[in-house]
Amino acid sequence: MKQPSQPSAADLSLVDVLGALADPTRLALVARLANLGSQKCADINNDAEVHKSTMSHHYRVLRQAGLTTTTIRGRERWIDLRRADLDERFPGVIDSVLNSWNTSPQ
């Protein structure tokens, strides 16, 4: 099966990354991936309080912005945070955003 397309590390844009993180659901997904590591979409969907199609939209926005990578393994889709690429391209940005989000009331 063909893997979903995503930008290369060199093509990551700070505007796209911050735009994707502006949504609270996507920010929560990134925080979850930062804390727990690679996750199956099905596991995240079961814990989410939004519809499956809405979650698919959020996954796509995060992937297209370069925040995550999606890997298809058999019938499962796994989501990973592209932490190394993001830290290399925009040092400290993800930590700053997540620290700010973790200390603010939700």
C-alpha atoms as a PDB file:
ATOM      1  CA  MET A   1       0.000   0.000   0.000  1.00  0.00           C
ATOM      2  CA  LYS A   2       1.236   3.490  -0.844  1.00  0.00           C
ATOM      3  CA  GLN A   3       2.372   5.587   2.124  1.00  0.00           C
ATOM      4  CA  PRO A   4       0.747   9.032   2.595  1.00  0.00           C
ATOM      5  CA  SER A   5       2.746  11.978   1.265  1.00  0.00           C
ATOM      6  CA  GLN A   6       4.409  14.413   3.629  1.00  0.00           C
ATOM      7  CA  PRO A   7       6.888  17.262   3.238  1.00  0.00           C
ATOM      8  CA  SER A   8      10.609  16.669   3.521  1.00  0.00           C
ATOM      9  CA  ALA A   9      12.433  18.116   6.524  1.00  0.00           C
ATOM     10  CA  ALA A  10      13.878  20.865   4.320  1.00  0.00           C
ATOM     11  CA  ASP A  11      10.382  21.887   3.190  1.00  0.00           C
ATOM     12  CA  LEU A  12       8.938  22.395   6.683  1.00  0.00           C
ATOM     13  CA  SER A  13       7.474  25.851   7.167  1.00  0.00           C
ATOM     14  CA  LEU A  14       7.156  27.533  10.551  1.00  0.00           C
ATOM     15  CA  VAL A  15       3.917  29.199   9.437  1.00  0.00           C
ATOM     16  CA  ASP A  16       2.418  25.808   8.497  1.00  0.00           C
ATOM     17  CA  VAL A  17       3.605  24.190  11.747  1.00  0.00           C
ATOM     18  CA  LEU A  18       2.196  26.947  13.955  1.00  0.00           C
ATOM     19  CA  GLY A  19      -1.007  27.091  11.913  1.00  0.00           C
ATOM     20  CA  ALA A  20      -1.574  23.371  12.447  1.00  0.00           C
ATOM     21  CA  LEU A  21      -0.899  23.749  16.172  1.00  0.00           C
ATOM     22  CA  ALA A  22      -3.445  26.575  16.473  1.00  0.00           C
ATOM     23  CA  ASP A  23      -6.269  24.049  16.779  1.00  0.00           C
ATOM     24  CA  PRO A  24      -6.721  22.640  20.328  1.00  0.00           C
ATOM     25  CA  THR A  25      -7.485  19.117  19.087  1.00  0.00           C
ATOM     26  CA  ARG A  26      -4.341  18.996  16.968  1.00  0.00           C
ATOM     27  CA  LEU A  27      -2.270  20.500  19.775  1.00  0.00           C
ATOM     28  CA  ALA A  28      -3.579  17.778  22.119  1.00  0.00           C
ATOM     29  CA  LEU A  29      -2.660  15.128  19.527  1.00  0.00           C
ATOM     30  CA  VAL A  30       0.883  16.474  19.255  1.00  0.00           C
ATOM     31  CA  ALA A  31       1.191  16.577  23.056  1.00  0.00           C
ATOM     32  CA  ARG A  32      -0.001  12.964  23.233  1.00  0.00           C
ATOM     33  CA  LEU A  33       2.537  11.869  20.629  1.00  0.00           C
ATOM     34  CA  ALA A  34       5.295  13.806  22.411  1.00  0.00           C
ATOM     35  CA  ASN A  35       4.454  12.057  25.690  1.00  0.00           C
ATOM     36  CA  LEU A  36       3.606   8.540  24.502  1.00  0.00           C
ATOM     37  CA  GLY A  37       5.464   8.143  21.220  1.00  0.00           C
ATOM     38  CA  SER A  38       4.090   6.348  18.174  1.00  0.00           C
ATOM     39  CA  GLN A  39       0.347   5.660  18.313  1.00  0.00           C
ATOM     40  CA  LYS A  40      -2.155   3.702  16.239  1.00  0.00           C
ATOM     41  CA  CYS A  41      -4.886   5.916  14.797  1.00  0.00           C
ATOM     42  CA  ALA A  42      -7.495   3.465  16.091  1.00  0.00           C
ATOM     43  CA  ASP A  43      -6.226   3.891  19.664  1.00  0.00           C
ATOM     44  CA  ILE A  44      -6.304   7.675  19.422  1.00  0.00           C
ATOM     45  CA  ASN A  45      -9.756   7.596  17.793  1.00  0.00           C
ATOM     46  CA  ASN A  46     -11.116   5.460  20.646  1.00  0.00           C
ATOM     47  CA  ASP A  47      -9.925   8.033  23.202  1.00  0.00           C
ATOM     48  CA  ALA A  48     -11.044  11.091  21.220  1.00  0.00           C
ATOM     49  CA  GLU A  49     -14.369  12.801  21.713  1.00  0.00           C
ATOM     50  CA  VAL A  50     -14.736  13.741  18.057  1.00  0.00           C
ATOM     51  CA  HIS A  51     -15.972  11.819  15.023  1.00  0.00           C
ATOM     52  CA  LYS A  52     -13.580   9.542  13.130  1.00  0.00           C
ATOM     53  CA  SER A  53     -13.783  11.650   9.950  1.00  0.00           C
ATOM     54  CA  THR A  54     -12.890  14.767  11.941  1.00  0.00           C
ATOM     55  CA  MET A  55      -9.870  12.973  13.388  1.00  0.00           C
ATOM     56  CA  SER A  56      -8.814  11.968   9.860  1.00  0.00           C
ATOM     57  CA  HIS A  57      -8.895  15.642   8.913  1.00  0.00           C
ATOM     58  CA  HIS A  58      -6.702  16.538  11.903  1.00  0.00           C
ATOM     59  CA  TYR A  59      -4.225  13.764  11.054  1.00  0.00           C
ATOM     60  CA  ARG A  60      -4.008  15.051   7.476  1.00  0.00           C
ATOM     61  CA  VAL A  61      -3.421  18.675   8.567  1.00  0.00           C
ATOM     62  CA  LEU A  62      -0.660  17.611  10.969  1.00  0.00           C
ATOM     63  CA  ARG A  63       0.983  15.409   8.321  1.00  0.00           C
ATOM     64  CA  GLN A  64       0.797  18.064   5.587  1.00  0.00           C
ATOM     65  CA  ALA A  65       2.277  20.679   7.941  1.00  0.00           C
ATOM     66  CA  GLY A  66       5.158  18.297   8.649  1.00  0.00           C
ATOM     67  CA  LEU A  67       4.430  17.727  12.327  1.00  0.00           C
ATOM     68  CA  THR A  68       3.709  14.035  12.012  1.00  0.00           C
ATOM     69  CA  THR A  69       4.415  11.109   9.788  1.00  0.00           C
ATOM     70  CA  THR A  70       1.841   8.425   9.024  1.00  0.00           C
ATOM     71  CA  THR A  71       2.981   4.891   8.329  1.00  0.00           C
ATOM     72  CA  ILE A  72       0.683   2.168   7.062  1.00  0.00           C
ATOM     73  CA  ARG A  73       1.471  -1.251   8.532  1.00  0.00           C
ATOM     74  CA  GLY A  74      -0.939  -3.840   7.235  1.00  0.00           C
ATOM     75  CA  ARG A  75      -4.409  -2.559   8.100  1.00  0.00           C
ATOM     76  CA  GLU A  76      -3.169  -0.126  10.744  1.00  0.00           C
ATOM     77  CA  ARG A  77      -2.053   3.470  10.461  1.00  0.00           C
ATOM     78  CA  TRP A  78       0.587   4.635  12.904  1.00  0.00           C
ATOM     79  CA  ILE A  79       1.227   8.296  13.695  1.00  0.00           C
ATOM     80  CA  ASP A  80       4.630   9.576  14.836  1.00  0.00           C
ATOM     81  CA  LEU A  81       5.720  13.058  15.833  1.00  0.00           C
ATOM     82  CA  ARG A  82       8.582  14.230  13.608  1.00  0.00           C
ATOM     83  CA  ARG A  83      10.419  15.509  16.665  1.00  0.00           C
ATOM     84  CA  ALA A  84      13.960  15.238  15.290  1.00  0.00           C
ATOM     85  CA  ASP A  85      13.077  17.027  12.038  1.00  0.00           C
ATOM     86  CA  LEU A  86      11.163  19.751  13.878  1.00  0.00           C
ATOM     87  CA  ASP A  87      13.890  20.300  16.476  1.00  0.00           C
ATOM     88  CA  GLU A  88      16.552  20.489  13.771  1.00  0.00           C
ATOM     89  CA  ARG A  89      14.564  22.930  11.629  1.00  0.00           C
ATOM     90  CA  PHE A  90      12.997  25.018  14.435  1.00  0.00           C
ATOM     91  CA  PRO A  91      15.019  24.474  17.634  1.00  0.00           C
ATOM     92  CA  GLY A  92      12.933  24.803  20.794  1.00  0.00           C
ATOM     93  CA  VAL A  93       9.642  25.660  19.089  1.00  0.00           C
ATOM     94  CA  ILE A  94       7.825  22.402  19.843  1.00  0.00           C
ATOM     95  CA  ASP A  95       9.067  22.395  23.452  1.00  0.00           C
ATOM     96  CA  SER A  96       7.939  26.009  23.903  1.00  0.00           C
ATOM     97  CA  VAL A  97       4.490  25.385  22.442  1.00  0.00           C
ATOM     98  CA  LEU A  98       3.950  22.207  24.461  1.00  0.00           C
ATOM     99  CA  ASN A  99       5.253  23.751  27.693  1.00  0.00           C
ATOM    100  CA  SER A 100       2.964  26.737  27.220  1.00  0.00           C
ATOM    101  CA  TRP A 101      -0.012  24.481  26.489  1.00  0.00           C
ATOM    102  CA  ASN A 102       0.730  22.191  29.463  1.00  0.00           C
ATOM    103  CA  THR A 103       0.826  25.137  31.878  1.00  0.00           C
ATOM    104  CA  SER A 104      -2.267  26.915  30.587  1.00  0.00           C
ATOM    105  CA  PRO A 105      -5.782  26.015  31.778  1.00  0.00           C
ATOM    106  CA  GLN A 106      -7.618  23.847  29.231  1.00  0.00           C
END
